[in-house]
Amino acid sequence: MLEKIKKAKGRDEDIIRVVEKIKKTKVKELQGNEWKVKEYLVLKERKVYVPKDKELRAEVIQLHHDISAVGHGGQ
């Protein structure tokens, strides 16, 4: 899943803009730790940012929804 997120980030204009700004200013985080790049992933508010890709976001939701410990099992 992380590989899919890494590949998709190049197609999300928000991520492209944030990463370019971070590189340009040579800082590790932007806007008071709201955005951060860590190990080729973009974090927003300390969580992995899933690029604006409908299929990828649906897959992430489905993976977390279908886990019995965190999902509701369709009930």
PDB file of N, CA and C in Angstrom:
ATOM      1  N   MET A   1       0.818  -1.183   0.000  1.00  0.00           N
ATOM      2  CA  MET A   1       0.000   0.000   0.000  1.00  0.00           C
ATOM      3  C   MET A   1       0.873   1.262   0.000  1.00  0.00           C
ATOM      4  N   LEU A   2       1.938   1.237   0.785  1.00  0.00           N
ATOM      5  CA  LEU A   2       2.809   2.414   0.843  1.00  0.00           C
ATOM      6  C   LEU A   2       3.440   2.698  -0.510  1.00  0.00           C
ATOM      7  N   GLU A   3       3.784   1.665  -1.251  1.00  0.00           N
ATOM      8  CA  GLU A   3       4.350   1.864  -2.590  1.00  0.00           C
ATOM      9  C   GLU A   3       3.338   2.537  -3.513  1.00  0.00           C
ATOM     10  N   LYS A   4       2.079   2.150  -3.425  1.00  0.00           N
ATOM     11  CA  LYS A   4       1.031   2.767  -4.241  1.00  0.00           C
ATOM     12  C   LYS A   4       0.883   4.239  -3.884  1.00  0.00           C
ATOM     13  N   ILE A   5       0.943   4.537  -2.595  1.00  0.00           N
ATOM     14  CA  ILE A   5       0.835   5.930  -2.139  1.00  0.00           C
ATOM     15  C   ILE A   5       2.021   6.739  -2.651  1.00  0.00           C
ATOM     16  N   LYS A   6       3.224   6.176  -2.568  1.00  0.00           N
ATOM     17  CA  LYS A   6       4.420   6.870  -3.047  1.00  0.00           C
ATOM     18  C   LYS A   6       4.306   7.187  -4.538  1.00  0.00           C
ATOM     19  N   LYS A   7       3.818   6.206  -5.319  1.00  0.00           N
ATOM     20  CA  LYS A   7       3.697   6.406  -6.764  1.00  0.00           C
ATOM     21  C   LYS A   7       2.620   7.431  -7.104  1.00  0.00           C
ATOM     22  N   ALA A   8       1.524   7.427  -6.372  1.00  0.00           N
ATOM     23  CA  ALA A   8       0.402   8.317  -6.664  1.00  0.00           C
ATOM     24  C   ALA A   8       0.673   9.765  -6.282  1.00  0.00           C
ATOM     25  N   LYS A   9       1.630  10.003  -5.399  1.00  0.00           N
ATOM     26  CA  LYS A   9       1.847  11.377  -4.941  1.00  0.00           C
ATOM     27  C   LYS A   9       2.306  12.292  -6.063  1.00  0.00           C
ATOM     28  N   GLY A  10       2.903  11.743  -7.101  1.00  0.00           N
ATOM     29  CA  GLY A  10       3.345  12.551  -8.234  1.00  0.00           C
ATOM     30  C   GLY A  10       2.213  13.037  -9.109  1.00  0.00           C
ATOM     31  N   ARG A  11       1.001  12.550  -8.843  1.00  0.00           N
ATOM     32  CA  ARG A  11      -0.163  12.965  -9.623  1.00  0.00           C
ATOM     33  C   ARG A  11      -1.109  13.873  -8.833  1.00  0.00           C
ATOM     34  N   ASP A  12      -0.745  14.206  -7.610  1.00  0.00           N
ATOM     35  CA  ASP A  12      -1.588  15.041  -6.758  1.00  0.00           C
ATOM     36  C   ASP A  12      -0.953  16.428  -6.670  1.00  0.00           C
ATOM     37  N   GLU A  13      -1.643  17.422  -7.210  1.00  0.00           N
ATOM     38  CA  GLU A  13      -1.090  18.782  -7.274  1.00  0.00           C
ATOM     39  C   GLU A  13      -0.782  19.361  -5.897  1.00  0.00           C
ATOM     40  N   ASP A  14      -1.584  19.041  -4.890  1.00  0.00           N
ATOM     41  CA  ASP A  14      -1.325  19.547  -3.541  1.00  0.00           C
ATOM     42  C   ASP A  14       0.002  19.014  -3.014  1.00  0.00           C
ATOM     43  N   ILE A  15       0.234  17.724  -3.205  1.00  0.00           N
ATOM     44  CA  ILE A  15       1.478  17.127  -2.727  1.00  0.00           C
ATOM     45  C   ILE A  15       2.666  17.683  -3.501  1.00  0.00           C
ATOM     46  N   ILE A  16       2.527  17.797  -4.799  1.00  0.00           N
ATOM     47  CA  ILE A  16       3.609  18.339  -5.622  1.00  0.00           C
ATOM     48  C   ILE A  16       3.985  19.731  -5.128  1.00  0.00           C
ATOM     49  N   ARG A  17       2.988  20.567  -4.870  1.00  0.00           N
ATOM     50  CA  ARG A  17       3.227  21.934  -4.401  1.00  0.00           C
ATOM     51  C   ARG A  17       3.921  21.934  -3.033  1.00  0.00           C
ATOM     52  N   VAL A  18       3.458  21.093  -2.118  1.00  0.00           N
ATOM     53  CA  VAL A  18       4.042  21.031  -0.777  1.00  0.00           C
ATOM     54  C   VAL A  18       5.487  20.548  -0.837  1.00  0.00           C
ATOM     55  N   VAL A  19       5.734  19.470  -1.582  1.00  0.00           N
ATOM     56  CA  VAL A  19       7.091  18.924  -1.670  1.00  0.00           C
ATOM     57  C   VAL A  19       8.032  19.934  -2.311  1.00  0.00           C
ATOM     58  N   GLU A  20       7.580  20.617  -3.369  1.00  0.00           N
ATOM     59  CA  GLU A  20       8.415  21.637  -4.008  1.00  0.00           C
ATOM     60  C   GLU A  20       8.734  22.771  -3.044  1.00  0.00           C
ATOM     61  N   LYS A  21       7.748  23.182  -2.269  1.00  0.00           N
ATOM     62  CA  LYS A  21       7.971  24.271  -1.316  1.00  0.00           C
ATOM     63  C   LYS A  21       8.950  23.843  -0.222  1.00  0.00           C
ATOM     64  N   ILE A  22       8.829  22.597   0.240  1.00  0.00           N
ATOM     65  CA  ILE A  22       9.743  22.086   1.260  1.00  0.00           C
ATOM     66  C   ILE A  22      11.167  22.046   0.702  1.00  0.00           C
ATOM     67  N   LYS A  23      11.311  21.550  -0.530  1.00  0.00           N
ATOM     68  CA  LYS A  23      12.643  21.493  -1.138  1.00  0.00           C
ATOM     69  C   LYS A  23      13.215  22.891  -1.362  1.00  0.00           C
ATOM     70  N   LYS A  24      12.369  23.797  -1.814  1.00  0.00           N
ATOM     71  CA  LYS A  24      12.818  25.153  -2.120  1.00  0.00           C
ATOM     72  C   LYS A  24      13.286  25.878  -0.861  1.00  0.00           C
ATOM     73  N   THR A  25      12.558  25.726   0.218  1.00  0.00           N
ATOM     74  CA  THR A  25      12.899  26.418   1.458  1.00  0.00           C
ATOM     75  C   THR A  25      13.899  25.640   2.312  1.00  0.00           C
ATOM     76  N   LYS A  26      14.180  24.401   1.900  1.00  0.00           N
ATOM     77  CA  LYS A  26      15.139  23.533   2.592  1.00  0.00           C
ATOM     78  C   LYS A  26      14.787  23.326   4.061  1.00  0.00           C
ATOM     79  N   VAL A  27      13.509  23.125   4.323  1.00  0.00           N
ATOM     80  CA  VAL A  27      13.051  22.799   5.670  1.00  0.00           C
ATOM     81  C   VAL A  27      12.466  21.389   5.638  1.00  0.00           C
ATOM     82  N   LYS A  28      12.246  20.813   6.804  1.00  0.00           N
ATOM     83  CA  LYS A  28      11.691  19.457   6.863  1.00  0.00           C
ATOM     84  C   LYS A  28      10.180  19.455   7.063  1.00  0.00           C
ATOM     85  N   GLU A  29       9.637  20.595   7.436  1.00  0.00           N
ATOM     86  CA  GLU A  29       8.195  20.668   7.648  1.00  0.00           C
ATOM     87  C   GLU A  29       7.679  22.055   7.298  1.00  0.00           C
ATOM     88  N   LEU A  30       6.401  22.126   6.984  1.00  0.00           N
ATOM     89  CA  LEU A  30       5.764  23.392   6.601  1.00  0.00           C
ATOM     90  C   LEU A  30       4.592  23.694   7.513  1.00  0.00           C
ATOM     91  N   GLN A  31       4.289  24.943   7.627  1.00  0.00           N
ATOM     92  CA  GLN A  31       3.116  25.439   8.339  1.00  0.00           C
ATOM     93  C   GLN A  31       2.993  24.828   9.738  1.00  0.00           C
ATOM     94  N   GLY A  32       4.047  24.973  10.514  1.00  0.00           N
ATOM     95  CA  GLY A  32       4.001  24.531  11.907  1.00  0.00           C
ATOM     96  C   GLY A  32       3.749  23.047  12.071  1.00  0.00           C
ATOM     97  N   ASN A  33       4.438  22.235  11.301  1.00  0.00           N
ATOM     98  CA  ASN A  33       4.358  20.781  11.380  1.00  0.00           C
ATOM     99  C   ASN A  33       3.088  20.206  10.743  1.00  0.00           C
ATOM    100  N   GLU A  34       2.326  21.021  10.020  1.00  0.00           N
ATOM    101  CA  GLU A  34       1.138  20.484   9.356  1.00  0.00           C
ATOM    102  C   GLU A  34       1.548  19.533   8.232  1.00  0.00           C
ATOM    103  N   TRP A  35       2.523  19.934   7.429  1.00  0.00           N
ATOM    104  CA  TRP A  35       3.030  19.114   6.320  1.00  0.00           C
ATOM    105  C   TRP A  35       4.468  18.735   6.592  1.00  0.00           C
ATOM    106  N   LYS A  36       4.820  17.491   6.283  1.00  0.00           N
ATOM    107  CA  LYS A  36       6.180  17.015   6.500  1.00  0.00           C
ATOM    108  C   LYS A  36       6.475  15.906   5.494  1.00  0.00           C
ATOM    109  N   VAL A  37       7.712  15.827   5.038  1.00  0.00           N
ATOM    110  CA  VAL A  37       8.131  14.731   4.162  1.00  0.00           C
ATOM    111  C   VAL A  37       9.038  13.834   4.985  1.00  0.00           C
ATOM    112  N   LYS A  38       8.702  12.549   5.023  1.00  0.00           N
ATOM    113  CA  LYS A  38       9.481  11.593   5.808  1.00  0.00           C
ATOM    114  C   LYS A  38       9.579  10.291   5.037  1.00  0.00           C
ATOM    115  N   GLU A  39      10.802   9.912   4.710  1.00  0.00           N
ATOM    116  CA  GLU A  39      11.054   8.656   4.001  1.00  0.00           C
ATOM    117  C   GLU A  39      10.186   8.522   2.746  1.00  0.00           C
ATOM    118  N   TYR A  40      10.188   9.525   1.931  1.00  0.00           N
ATOM    119  CA  TYR A  40       9.465   9.549   0.652  1.00  0.00           C
ATOM    120  C   TYR A  40       7.947   9.570   0.788  1.00  0.00           C
ATOM    121  N   LEU A  41       7.441   9.700   1.990  1.00  0.00           N
ATOM    122  CA  LEU A  41       6.004   9.840   2.197  1.00  0.00           C
ATOM    123  C   LEU A  41       5.726  11.269   2.635  1.00  0.00           C
ATOM    124  N   VAL A  42       4.548  11.752   2.311  1.00  0.00           N
ATOM    125  CA  VAL A  42       4.133  13.072   2.755  1.00  0.00           C
ATOM    126  C   VAL A  42       3.175  12.867   3.920  1.00  0.00           C
ATOM    127  N   LEU A  43       3.451  13.545   5.015  1.00  0.00           N
ATOM    128  CA  LEU A  43       2.603  13.459   6.198  1.00  0.00           C
ATOM    129  C   LEU A  43       1.850  14.770   6.347  1.00  0.00           C
ATOM    130  N   LYS A  44       0.598  14.657   6.688  1.00  0.00           N
ATOM    131  CA  LYS A  44      -0.199  15.839   7.011  1.00  0.00           C
ATOM    132  C   LYS A  44      -0.746  15.609   8.408  1.00  0.00           C
ATOM    133  N   GLU A  45      -0.386  16.497   9.297  1.00  0.00           N
ATOM    134  CA  GLU A  45      -0.786  16.396  10.697  1.00  0.00           C
ATOM    135  C   GLU A  45      -0.395  15.033  11.272  1.00  0.00           C
ATOM    136  N   ARG A  46       0.845  14.619  10.986  1.00  0.00           N
ATOM    137  CA  ARG A  46       1.477  13.388  11.476  1.00  0.00           C
ATOM    138  C   ARG A  46       0.835  12.099  10.967  1.00  0.00           C
ATOM    139  N   LYS A  47       0.041  12.182   9.909  1.00  0.00           N
ATOM    140  CA  LYS A  47      -0.559  10.991   9.308  1.00  0.00           C
ATOM    141  C   LYS A  47      -0.158  10.928   7.845  1.00  0.00           C
ATOM    142  N   VAL A  48      -0.023   9.706   7.323  1.00  0.00           N
ATOM    143  CA  VAL A  48       0.332   9.550   5.915  1.00  0.00           C
ATOM    144  C   VAL A  48      -0.787  10.152   5.074  1.00  0.00           C
ATOM    145  N   TYR A  49      -0.407  11.072   4.194  1.00  0.00           N
ATOM    146  CA  TYR A  49      -1.367  11.707   3.305  1.00  0.00           C
ATOM    147  C   TYR A  49      -1.583  10.795   2.101  1.00  0.00           C
ATOM    148  N   VAL A  50      -2.826  10.401   1.868  1.00  0.00           N
ATOM    149  CA  VAL A  50      -3.168   9.575   0.711  1.00  0.00           C
ATOM    150  C   VAL A  50      -3.536  10.527  -0.419  1.00  0.00           C
ATOM    151  N   PRO A  51      -2.802  10.453  -1.524  1.00  0.00           N
ATOM    152  CA  PRO A  51      -3.048  11.364  -2.640  1.00  0.00           C
ATOM    153  C   PRO A  51      -4.487  11.315  -3.138  1.00  0.00           C
ATOM    154  N   LYS A  52      -4.883  12.378  -3.814  1.00  0.00           N
ATOM    155  CA  LYS A  52      -6.247  12.490  -4.346  1.00  0.00           C
ATOM    156  C   LYS A  52      -6.406  11.569  -5.553  1.00  0.00           C
ATOM    157  N   ASP A  53      -6.566  10.297  -5.257  1.00  0.00           N
ATOM    158  CA  ASP A  53      -6.765   9.254  -6.245  1.00  0.00           C
ATOM    159  C   ASP A  53      -7.941   8.430  -5.725  1.00  0.00           C
ATOM    160  N   LYS A  54      -9.081   8.528  -6.392  1.00  0.00           N
ATOM    161  CA  LYS A  54     -10.309   7.896  -5.889  1.00  0.00           C
ATOM    162  C   LYS A  54     -10.139   6.408  -5.626  1.00  0.00           C
ATOM    163  N   GLU A  55      -9.522   5.704  -6.548  1.00  0.00           N
ATOM    164  CA  GLU A  55      -9.343   4.260  -6.388  1.00  0.00           C
ATOM    165  C   GLU A  55      -8.431   3.934  -5.212  1.00  0.00           C
ATOM    166  N   LEU A  56      -7.344   4.673  -5.079  1.00  0.00           N
ATOM    167  CA  LEU A  56      -6.411   4.437  -3.986  1.00  0.00           C
ATOM    168  C   LEU A  56      -7.062   4.751  -2.638  1.00  0.00           C
ATOM    169  N   ARG A  57      -7.757   5.859  -2.552  1.00  0.00           N
ATOM    170  CA  ARG A  57      -8.423   6.211  -1.289  1.00  0.00           C
ATOM    171  C   ARG A  57      -9.492   5.187  -0.930  1.00  0.00           C
ATOM    172  N   ALA A  58     -10.231   4.708  -1.928  1.00  0.00           N
ATOM    173  CA  ALA A  58     -11.252   3.683  -1.673  1.00  0.00           C
ATOM    174  C   ALA A  58     -10.596   2.402  -1.157  1.00  0.00           C
ATOM    175  N   GLU A  59      -9.439   2.055  -1.721  1.00  0.00           N
ATOM    176  CA  GLU A  59      -8.724   0.855  -1.286  1.00  0.00           C
ATOM    177  C   GLU A  59      -8.253   0.987   0.161  1.00  0.00           C
ATOM    178  N   VAL A  60      -7.734   2.155   0.525  1.00  0.00           N
ATOM    179  CA  VAL A  60      -7.289   2.390   1.901  1.00  0.00           C
ATOM    180  C   VAL A  60      -8.480   2.275   2.854  1.00  0.00           C
ATOM    181  N   ILE A  61      -9.591   2.885   2.506  1.00  0.00           N
ATOM    182  CA  ILE A  61     -10.786   2.823   3.352  1.00  0.00           C
ATOM    183  C   ILE A  61     -11.267   1.386   3.487  1.00  0.00           C
ATOM    184  N   GLN A  62     -11.300   0.668   2.381  1.00  0.00           N
ATOM    185  CA  GLN A  62     -11.759  -0.714   2.415  1.00  0.00           C
ATOM    186  C   GLN A  62     -10.848  -1.576   3.288  1.00  0.00           C
ATOM    187  N   LEU A  63      -9.541  -1.403   3.164  1.00  0.00           N
ATOM    188  CA  LEU A  63      -8.609  -2.179   3.980  1.00  0.00           C
ATOM    189  C   LEU A  63      -8.845  -1.951   5.469  1.00  0.00           C
ATOM    190  N   HIS A  64      -9.037  -0.704   5.858  1.00  0.00           N
ATOM    191  CA  HIS A  64      -9.232  -0.404   7.274  1.00  0.00           C
ATOM    192  C   HIS A  64     -10.634  -0.758   7.734  1.00  0.00           C
ATOM    193  N   HIS A  65     -11.588  -0.670   6.872  1.00  0.00           N
ATOM    194  CA  HIS A  65     -12.971  -0.966   7.225  1.00  0.00           C
ATOM    195  C   HIS A  65     -13.175  -2.462   7.414  1.00  0.00           C
ATOM    196  N   ASP A  66     -12.471  -3.281   6.632  1.00  0.00           N
ATOM    197  CA  ASP A  66     -12.671  -4.714   6.658  1.00  0.00           C
ATOM    198  C   ASP A  66     -11.897  -5.433   7.760  1.00  0.00           C
ATOM    199  N   ILE A  67     -11.042  -4.735   8.488  1.00  0.00           N
ATOM    200  CA  ILE A  67     -10.312  -5.338   9.594  1.00  0.00           C
ATOM    201  C   ILE A  67     -11.255  -5.421  10.785  1.00  0.00           C
ATOM    202  N   SER A  68     -11.468  -6.615  11.295  1.00  0.00           N
ATOM    203  CA  SER A  68     -12.452  -6.802  12.366  1.00  0.00           C
ATOM    204  C   SER A  68     -12.155  -5.993  13.632  1.00  0.00           C
ATOM    205  N   ALA A  69     -10.890  -5.716  13.898  1.00  0.00           N
ATOM    206  CA  ALA A  69     -10.540  -4.960  15.103  1.00  0.00           C
ATOM    207  C   ALA A  69     -10.947  -3.499  15.013  1.00  0.00           C
ATOM    208  N   VAL A  70     -11.011  -2.940  13.783  1.00  0.00           N
ATOM    209  CA  VAL A  70     -11.350  -1.521  13.646  1.00  0.00           C
ATOM    210  C   VAL A  70     -12.640  -1.293  12.867  1.00  0.00           C
ATOM    211  N   GLY A  71     -13.049  -2.240  12.088  1.00  0.00           N
ATOM    212  CA  GLY A  71     -14.266  -2.087  11.294  1.00  0.00           C
ATOM    213  C   GLY A  71     -15.471  -2.547  12.088  1.00  0.00           C
ATOM    214  N   HIS A  72     -16.621  -2.453  11.441  1.00  0.00           N
ATOM    215  CA  HIS A  72     -17.824  -2.892  12.120  1.00  0.00           C
ATOM    216  C   HIS A  72     -18.412  -4.152  11.492  1.00  0.00           C
ATOM    217  N   GLY A  73     -17.696  -4.745  10.535  1.00  0.00           N
ATOM    218  CA  GLY A  73     -18.117  -6.010   9.955  1.00  0.00           C
ATOM    219  C   GLY A  73     -19.440  -5.955   9.243  1.00  0.00           C
ATOM    220  N   GLY A  74     -19.836  -4.767   8.789  1.00  0.00           N
ATOM    221  CA  GLY A  74     -21.093  -4.619   8.047  1.00  0.00           C
ATOM    222  C   GLY A  74     -22.328  -4.573   8.926  1.00  0.00           C
ATOM    223  N   GLN A  75     -22.157  -4.483  10.215  1.00  0.00           N
ATOM    224  CA  GLN A  75     -23.302  -4.450  11.117  1.00  0.00           C
ATOM    225  C   GLN A  75     -23.698  -3.046  11.468  1.00  0.00           C
TER     226      GLN A  75
END
